[in-house]
Amino acid sequence: MLEAPNTLVIDLLVFLKAGPRPYHEVMDAWRTSCPRLPIWEDALDLGLVEREQGFVVLTDAGRSLLSSQQ
């Protein structure tokens, strides 16, 4: 079972809160090769973000998590 999102995953959600971002822009900013910081992968696995036609968007679960953090 996956753990609750860490602070960096929340930061990624905040980055996407303003609206869809191009996939390449998100990957440039958030992809990591460090196995201890799988931010992008965790957000996907938790169902907080998804790809739609070349863009990355928050899912309902991602928006709900952000709302609960404020």
Protein backbone atom coordinates (compact mmCIF):
# COMPACT_ATOMS: atom_id res chain seq x y z
CA MET A 1 0.00 0.00 0.00
CA LEU A 2 1.25 3.50 -0.81
CA GLU A 3 2.03 6.01 1.87
CA ALA A 4 0.44 9.44 2.15
CA PRO A 5 1.96 11.95 -0.27
CA ASN A 6 5.10 13.69 0.92
CA THR A 7 5.64 17.43 0.85
CA LEU A 8 7.27 17.38 -2.59
CA VAL A 9 4.25 15.62 -4.09
CA ILE A 10 2.07 18.36 -2.59
CA ASP A 11 4.41 20.92 -4.17
CA LEU A 12 3.89 19.25 -7.55
CA LEU A 13 0.12 19.49 -7.07
CA VAL A 14 0.42 23.18 -6.23
CA PHE A 15 2.52 23.61 -9.40
CA LEU A 16 -0.38 22.12 -11.38
CA LYS A 17 -3.17 23.90 -9.51
CA ALA A 18 -3.23 26.86 -11.91
CA GLY A 19 -4.15 24.57 -14.77
CA PRO A 20 -2.80 21.97 -17.16
CA ARG A 21 0.91 22.15 -17.93
CA PRO A 22 2.63 20.66 -20.97
CA TYR A 23 4.03 17.22 -20.18
CA HIS A 24 7.58 18.22 -21.20
CA GLU A 25 7.46 21.21 -18.81
CA VAL A 26 6.39 19.01 -15.91
CA MET A 27 9.08 16.44 -16.71
CA ASP A 28 11.75 19.13 -16.92
CA ALA A 29 10.76 20.40 -13.49
CA TRP A 30 9.76 17.23 -11.62
CA ARG A 31 11.33 14.09 -13.05
CA THR A 32 14.15 12.67 -10.98
CA SER A 33 16.47 9.72 -11.32
CA CYS A 34 16.87 9.48 -7.57
CA PRO A 35 15.05 6.37 -6.29
CA ARG A 36 14.48 8.11 -2.96
CA LEU A 37 12.53 11.00 -4.50
CA PRO A 38 10.04 9.54 -7.00
CA ILE A 39 7.81 12.61 -6.94
CA TRP A 40 6.26 12.23 -10.39
CA GLU A 41 5.83 8.48 -10.02
CA ASP A 42 4.24 8.80 -6.56
CA ALA A 43 1.75 11.40 -7.80
CA LEU A 44 0.77 9.11 -10.69
CA ASP A 45 0.57 5.99 -8.51
CA LEU A 46 -1.64 7.79 -6.00
CA GLY A 47 -3.95 8.94 -8.79
CA LEU A 48 -3.34 12.62 -8.04
CA VAL A 49 -2.27 13.61 -11.57
CA GLU A 50 -2.77 12.23 -15.06
CA ARG A 51 -1.72 12.88 -18.65
CA GLU A 52 -4.32 14.21 -21.06
CA GLN A 53 -3.40 14.93 -24.68
CA GLY A 54 0.16 16.03 -23.97
CA PHE A 55 -0.68 17.87 -20.77
CA VAL A 56 -0.50 16.96 -17.10
CA VAL A 57 -3.58 17.76 -15.02
CA LEU A 58 -4.76 17.32 -11.48
CA THR A 59 -7.32 14.59 -10.93
CA ASP A 60 -10.31 15.02 -8.64
CA ALA A 61 -8.27 13.22 -5.97
CA GLY A 62 -5.40 15.70 -6.45
CA ARG A 63 -7.70 18.70 -6.14
CA SER A 64 -9.37 17.17 -3.08
CA LEU A 65 -6.01 16.56 -1.41
CA LEU A 66 -4.94 20.16 -2.06
CA SER A 67 -8.20 21.45 -0.58
CA SER A 68 -7.69 19.38 2.55
CA GLN A 69 -4.14 20.77 2.96
CA GLN A 70 -5.29 24.39 3.21
